[in-house]
Amino acid sequence: MSDQPLVSVVIATYNTDQYLPAAVASVLDQTWSNLEVVVIDDGSEDETEARIATFEHDGRVRYIRTENRGQPKAKNRGLKEARGDFIAFCDADDLWVKNKLEVQMPRFENPRVGVVYSEVSYIDQHTSPVEKEAPYTRYSGNITDALVISNFIPFGTSVIRRKCLEQNGEFDEELPMGIDWDLWLRYSVDWEFSYCPEVTYIYRIWSGQMSKNYRGRYENAFRILRKFIKANPTKVSARLASRAWADMYIGRGMAIASAEKSISEPLSDIFTGLKYDISYLRGWKSLIKLMIRRV
């Protein structure tokens, strides 16, 4: 892009004072110069306010403290405060790679592209690298069919065009989890997505994360899928919906089996999934794994 449009970077934080300064610094260190950082403190009870004071003389950083209202409302407050034509996100315990925006922003030269996302790497709480394979295939273009089956977009890597927000809405504040998948599904109805294979985001794995609540994740995922199919009956075919429900039940069953070492509930979920799509190979493979474990 010849002229750099303003990118607003929203960082919603709650009790992550030990990591927040590094997250903010990694955004400010971008090779893309025209940016602002909007930090929304969702009622933290630690030293967040004192830590963010390090950046009080940097005009690119705005710090807004609110009462504790939860992640969706904090992120939406950030969206309301954002001034840029493009909006990006960084979780308070993660890091951006220096050339993130330089790599991703040129994709928006295509006016049909509403969201650009990229690849992610992992570190532990001590900033040591953690090796993990990408769990999903990534897609570009009109991605609704693939996205209905799984959320393969690493949230922190995403940059969105403001027009997406204006046309397709903000985060659903009724959802305690899965708000990114819900957002991407709605955006995918009208916009193309563009995937950059470069690693531009560093995800920190540590004990304080809420992402280990697998039962809560699936409970909200069922809710999100049900809502999207109901709102877009012509966008999701009956065959695709059956595959999506099958994948959901089978995924939940295997998550429970892995975390709780149980058999009966996972088997029930897998059989339910296969009722939705008897030809789904993942279901049969999962069933065999569980039966071998049972023996």
Protein backbone atom coordinates (compact mmCIF):
# COMPACT_ATOMS: atom_id res chain seq x y z
CA MET A 1 0.00 0.00 0.00
CA SER A 2 1.50 3.33 -1.04
CA ASP A 3 -0.13 5.41 1.72
CA GLN A 4 -0.35 3.80 5.12
CA PRO A 5 -3.94 3.89 6.46
CA LEU A 6 -4.34 4.07 10.22
CA VAL A 7 -4.56 0.70 11.97
CA SER A 8 -6.14 0.61 15.43
CA VAL A 9 -4.86 -2.23 17.61
CA VAL A 10 -7.22 -3.25 20.42
CA ILE A 11 -5.73 -4.90 23.51
CA ALA A 12 -8.31 -5.97 26.08
CA THR A 13 -6.70 -6.94 29.38
CA TYR A 14 -7.68 -8.34 32.74
CA ASN A 15 -5.05 -9.10 35.40
CA THR A 16 -2.19 -9.69 32.96
CA ASP A 17 0.15 -6.97 34.23
CA GLN A 18 3.17 -9.26 33.96
CA TYR A 19 2.78 -9.61 30.18
CA LEU A 20 0.93 -6.47 29.03
CA PRO A 21 3.97 -4.14 28.63
CA ALA A 22 5.67 -6.63 26.28
CA ALA A 23 2.48 -6.96 24.22
CA VAL A 24 2.13 -3.19 23.83
CA ALA A 25 5.83 -2.78 23.03
CA SER A 26 5.65 -5.45 20.33
CA VAL A 27 2.84 -3.55 18.60
CA LEU A 28 4.61 -0.20 18.85
CA ASP A 29 7.73 -1.79 17.36
CA GLN A 30 5.98 -2.44 14.03
CA THR A 31 7.60 -1.51 10.74
CA TRP A 32 4.16 -0.11 9.87
CA SER A 33 4.26 3.36 11.41
CA ASN A 34 0.66 4.60 11.18
CA LEU A 35 -1.00 2.84 14.10
CA GLU A 36 -2.59 3.42 17.47
CA VAL A 37 -2.94 1.10 20.47
CA VAL A 38 -6.19 1.09 22.44
CA VAL A 39 -5.77 -0.70 25.78
CA ILE A 40 -9.05 -1.57 27.50
CA ASP A 41 -8.49 -2.53 31.14
CA ASP A 42 -11.50 -4.63 32.12
CA GLY A 43 -11.34 -3.80 35.84
CA SER A 44 -7.98 -5.42 36.59
CA GLU A 45 -7.07 -5.91 40.25
CA ASP A 46 -3.31 -6.16 39.72
CA GLU A 47 -0.69 -3.56 38.73
CA THR A 48 -1.95 -3.07 35.18
CA GLU A 49 -2.48 0.68 35.54
CA ALA A 50 1.02 1.22 36.92
CA ARG A 51 2.60 -0.96 34.24
CA ILE A 52 0.85 0.79 31.36
CA ALA A 53 2.05 4.15 32.71
CA THR A 54 5.37 3.29 31.06
CA PHE A 55 3.76 4.34 27.77
CA GLU A 56 1.97 7.50 28.97
CA HIS A 57 4.25 9.77 26.92
CA ASP A 58 3.65 7.83 23.69
CA GLY A 59 0.79 9.53 21.86
CA ARG A 60 -0.01 6.32 20.01
CA VAL A 61 -1.22 4.59 23.18
CA ARG A 62 -4.59 5.20 24.84
CA TYR A 63 -5.44 3.51 28.14
CA ILE A 64 -9.10 3.18 29.14
CA ARG A 65 -10.09 1.60 32.43
CA THR A 66 -13.61 0.21 32.87
CA GLU A 67 -15.46 -1.85 35.45
CA ASN A 68 -15.17 -5.59 34.99
CA ARG A 69 -17.78 -6.52 32.37
CA GLY A 70 -16.18 -9.45 30.56
CA GLN A 71 -14.17 -10.04 27.40
CA PRO A 72 -16.82 -9.32 24.73
CA LYS A 73 -17.79 -5.96 26.20
CA ALA A 74 -14.15 -4.99 26.71
CA LYS A 75 -13.32 -5.77 23.09
CA ASN A 76 -16.40 -3.92 21.85
CA ARG A 77 -15.37 -0.88 23.88
CA GLY A 78 -12.04 -1.07 22.07
CA LEU A 79 -13.83 -1.19 18.72
CA LYS A 80 -15.86 1.89 19.64
CA GLU A 81 -12.69 3.78 20.63
CA ALA A 82 -10.75 2.74 17.51
CA ARG A 83 -10.17 5.51 14.97
CA GLY A 84 -8.58 3.54 12.16
CA ASP A 85 -10.04 2.28 8.90
CA PHE A 86 -8.54 -1.08 9.85
CA ILE A 87 -8.65 -2.79 13.23
CA ALA A 88 -6.38 -5.47 14.64
CA PHE A 89 -6.09 -7.29 17.95
CA CYS A 90 -3.41 -8.47 20.33
CA ASP A 91 -4.19 -10.41 23.48
CA ALA A 92 -2.47 -8.90 26.51
CA ASP A 93 -0.30 -11.97 27.09
CA ASP A 94 0.81 -12.42 23.47
CA LEU A 95 3.24 -10.70 21.09
CA TRP A 96 3.29 -9.37 17.54
CA VAL A 97 6.11 -10.07 15.10
CA LYS A 98 7.79 -6.84 13.98
CA ASN A 99 6.58 -6.91 10.34
CA LYS A 100 3.03 -8.15 11.00
CA LEU A 101 1.16 -5.24 9.45
CA GLU A 102 3.71 -4.81 6.66
CA VAL A 103 3.00 -8.40 5.61
CA GLN A 104 -0.78 -8.32 5.97
CA MET A 105 -1.98 -4.86 4.97
CA PRO A 106 -1.21 -5.15 1.22
CA ARG A 107 -3.88 -7.88 1.00
CA PHE A 108 -6.54 -5.20 1.52
CA GLU A 109 -5.80 -3.76 -1.92
CA ASN A 110 -8.47 -6.26 -2.98
CA PRO A 111 -11.69 -4.43 -1.99
CA ARG A 112 -13.54 -7.73 -1.52
CA VAL A 113 -11.21 -8.76 1.31
CA GLY A 114 -12.63 -7.97 4.73
CA VAL A 115 -10.29 -9.96 6.98
CA VAL A 116 -6.61 -10.84 6.64
CA TYR A 117 -5.11 -13.42 8.98
CA SER A 118 -1.82 -15.27 9.23
CA GLU A 119 0.14 -17.98 10.97
CA VAL A 120 1.08 -18.22 14.63
CA SER A 121 3.97 -19.60 16.70
CA TYR A 122 4.01 -20.46 20.41
CA ILE A 123 6.03 -19.66 23.53
CA ASP A 124 5.67 -20.60 27.19
CA GLN A 125 5.43 -18.25 30.16
CA HIS A 126 9.21 -17.86 30.15
CA THR A 127 9.27 -16.92 26.42
CA SER A 128 10.84 -20.23 25.42
CA PRO A 129 9.60 -21.62 22.06
CA VAL A 130 6.95 -24.34 22.14
CA GLU A 131 6.63 -26.62 19.12
CA LYS A 132 3.06 -27.19 17.96
CA GLU A 133 1.71 -28.23 14.60
CA ALA A 134 -1.03 -26.11 13.06
CA PRO A 135 -4.22 -28.03 13.97
CA TYR A 136 -6.22 -26.80 11.00
CA THR A 137 -5.93 -26.21 7.29
CA ARG A 138 -6.20 -22.48 6.53
CA TYR A 139 -8.39 -21.09 3.75
CA SER A 140 -8.73 -17.91 1.68
CA GLY A 141 -11.56 -16.44 -0.37
CA ASN A 142 -15.18 -17.33 0.38
CA ILE A 143 -14.63 -19.48 3.43
CA THR A 144 -18.09 -19.97 4.96
CA ASP A 145 -18.30 -23.68 4.12
CA ALA A 146 -14.94 -24.42 5.74
CA LEU A 147 -15.55 -22.07 8.67
CA VAL A 148 -18.84 -23.71 9.59
CA ILE A 149 -16.91 -26.92 10.27
CA SER A 150 -14.11 -25.36 12.34
CA ASN A 151 -12.66 -22.05 13.43
CA PHE A 152 -9.23 -22.19 11.80
CA ILE A 153 -8.45 -18.47 12.15
CA PRO A 154 -6.01 -17.57 14.96
CA PHE A 155 -7.78 -14.56 16.43
CA GLY A 156 -4.77 -12.42 17.29
CA THR A 157 -3.41 -12.65 13.76
CA SER A 158 -6.48 -11.00 12.26
CA VAL A 159 -6.81 -7.53 10.78
CA ILE A 160 -10.30 -6.41 9.77
CA ARG A 161 -11.64 -3.72 7.52
CA ARG A 162 -13.80 -1.24 9.44
CA LYS A 163 -16.57 -1.69 6.87
CA CYS A 164 -16.97 -5.27 8.14
CA LEU A 165 -17.74 -3.92 11.58
CA GLU A 166 -20.18 -1.37 10.20
CA GLN A 167 -21.94 -3.87 7.93
CA ASN A 168 -21.86 -7.11 9.91
CA GLY A 169 -21.63 -6.02 13.54
CA GLU A 170 -19.37 -6.27 16.56
CA PHE A 171 -18.78 -9.04 19.10
CA ASP A 172 -21.86 -10.75 20.54
CA GLU A 173 -21.85 -9.69 24.20
CA GLU A 174 -24.16 -12.57 25.15
CA LEU A 175 -21.40 -15.08 24.40
CA PRO A 176 -18.82 -15.65 27.15
CA MET A 177 -16.62 -17.70 24.80
CA GLY A 178 -16.21 -18.28 21.06
CA ILE A 179 -16.85 -14.65 20.16
CA ASP A 180 -14.24 -14.70 17.40
CA TRP A 181 -15.79 -17.69 15.58
CA ASP A 182 -19.20 -16.04 15.78
CA LEU A 183 -17.72 -12.84 14.32
CA TRP A 184 -15.90 -14.62 11.48
CA LEU A 185 -19.01 -16.58 10.49
CA ARG A 186 -21.02 -13.37 10.18
CA TYR A 187 -18.26 -11.61 8.24
CA SER A 188 -17.80 -14.57 5.90
CA VAL A 189 -21.32 -14.12 4.52
CA ASP A 190 -20.37 -10.88 2.73
CA TRP A 191 -16.56 -10.72 2.69
CA GLU A 192 -13.57 -12.68 1.48
CA PHE A 193 -10.79 -13.69 3.86
CA SER A 194 -7.11 -13.69 2.92
CA TYR A 195 -4.54 -15.99 4.56
CA CYS A 196 -0.85 -15.05 4.85
CA PRO A 197 1.31 -18.10 5.60
CA GLU A 198 3.94 -16.04 7.42
CA VAL A 199 4.12 -16.20 11.21
CA THR A 200 3.13 -12.76 12.49
CA TYR A 201 1.81 -13.57 15.96
CA ILE A 202 3.30 -15.26 19.01
CA TYR A 203 0.82 -17.00 21.29
CA ARG A 204 1.84 -17.50 24.91
CA ILE A 205 0.84 -20.73 26.66
CA TRP A 206 0.58 -20.31 30.43
CA SER A 207 -1.49 -21.43 33.41
CA GLY A 208 -3.71 -18.33 33.67
CA GLN A 209 -5.50 -18.77 30.35
CA MET A 210 -9.25 -19.36 30.11
CA SER A 211 -8.87 -21.40 26.93
CA LYS A 212 -8.58 -24.72 28.83
CA ASN A 213 -12.31 -24.73 29.58
CA TYR A 214 -13.18 -27.25 26.86
CA ARG A 215 -16.72 -27.91 28.08
CA GLY A 216 -17.51 -24.20 28.07
CA ARG A 217 -15.98 -23.83 24.62
CA TYR A 218 -18.17 -26.54 23.15
CA GLU A 219 -21.30 -25.34 24.92
CA ASN A 220 -20.87 -21.95 23.28
CA ALA A 221 -19.82 -23.46 19.96
CA PHE A 222 -23.12 -25.37 19.75
CA ARG A 223 -24.93 -22.13 20.47
CA ILE A 224 -22.98 -20.19 17.83
CA LEU A 225 -23.50 -22.81 15.12
CA ARG A 226 -27.21 -23.04 15.86
CA LYS A 227 -27.57 -19.25 15.69
CA PHE A 228 -25.63 -18.94 12.42
CA ILE A 229 -27.53 -21.70 10.61
CA LYS A 230 -30.85 -20.22 11.71
CA ALA A 231 -29.84 -16.73 10.52
CA ASN A 232 -28.43 -17.96 7.18
CA PRO A 233 -30.60 -20.86 5.97
CA THR A 234 -29.67 -20.32 2.32
CA LYS A 235 -25.96 -20.06 3.06
CA VAL A 236 -25.62 -23.44 4.80
CA SER A 237 -26.88 -26.48 2.90
CA ALA A 238 -28.50 -29.39 4.73
CA ARG A 239 -25.49 -31.57 3.89
CA LEU A 240 -23.04 -29.00 5.22
CA ALA A 241 -25.10 -28.51 8.38
CA SER A 242 -25.09 -32.28 8.99
CA ARG A 243 -21.31 -32.41 8.63
CA ALA A 244 -20.93 -29.41 10.96
CA TRP A 245 -23.09 -30.97 13.67
CA ALA A 246 -21.29 -34.28 13.27
CA ASP A 247 -17.92 -32.60 13.68
CA MET A 248 -19.13 -30.69 16.72
CA TYR A 249 -20.37 -33.75 18.59
CA ILE A 250 -17.34 -35.85 17.68
CA GLY A 251 -14.97 -33.04 18.64
CA ARG A 252 -16.61 -32.63 22.03
CA GLY A 253 -16.57 -36.35 22.65
CA MET A 254 -12.86 -36.63 21.95
CA ALA A 255 -12.09 -33.55 24.05
CA ILE A 256 -13.90 -35.08 27.02
CA ALA A 257 -12.23 -38.44 26.46
CA SER A 258 -8.80 -36.83 26.38
CA ALA A 259 -9.26 -34.57 29.39
CA GLU A 260 -11.33 -36.81 31.65
CA LYS A 261 -10.25 -40.29 30.51
CA SER A 262 -13.90 -41.31 30.31
CA ILE A 263 -15.64 -43.51 27.75
CA SER A 264 -19.45 -43.49 28.02
CA GLU A 265 -20.11 -39.79 27.42
CA PRO A 266 -17.60 -39.55 24.54
CA LEU A 267 -19.12 -42.64 22.92
CA SER A 268 -22.57 -41.10 23.15
CA ASP A 269 -21.31 -37.92 21.45
CA ILE A 270 -19.56 -39.84 18.69
CA PHE A 271 -22.63 -41.97 17.95
CA THR A 272 -24.73 -38.80 17.83
CA GLY A 273 -22.24 -37.28 15.41
CA LEU A 274 -22.38 -40.31 13.14
CA LYS A 275 -26.17 -40.13 13.12
CA TYR A 276 -25.79 -36.68 11.58
CA ASP A 277 -23.24 -37.89 9.01
CA ILE A 278 -22.70 -41.64 8.78
CA SER A 279 -19.99 -41.17 6.13
CA TYR A 280 -17.81 -38.88 8.25
CA LEU A 281 -14.44 -40.62 8.44
CA ARG A 282 -13.33 -38.63 11.48
CA GLY A 283 -16.21 -40.14 13.45
CA TRP A 284 -15.24 -43.71 12.63
CA LYS A 285 -11.57 -43.08 13.41
CA SER A 286 -12.54 -41.54 16.75
CA LEU A 287 -14.81 -44.47 17.54
CA ILE A 288 -12.01 -46.95 16.86
CA LYS A 289 -9.63 -44.99 19.12
CA LEU A 290 -12.11 -45.09 21.97
CA MET A 291 -12.88 -48.79 21.54
CA ILE A 292 -9.18 -49.65 21.56
CA ARG A 293 -8.77 -47.62 24.75
CA ARG A 294 -11.74 -49.44 26.29
CA VAL A 295 -10.23 -52.82 25.52
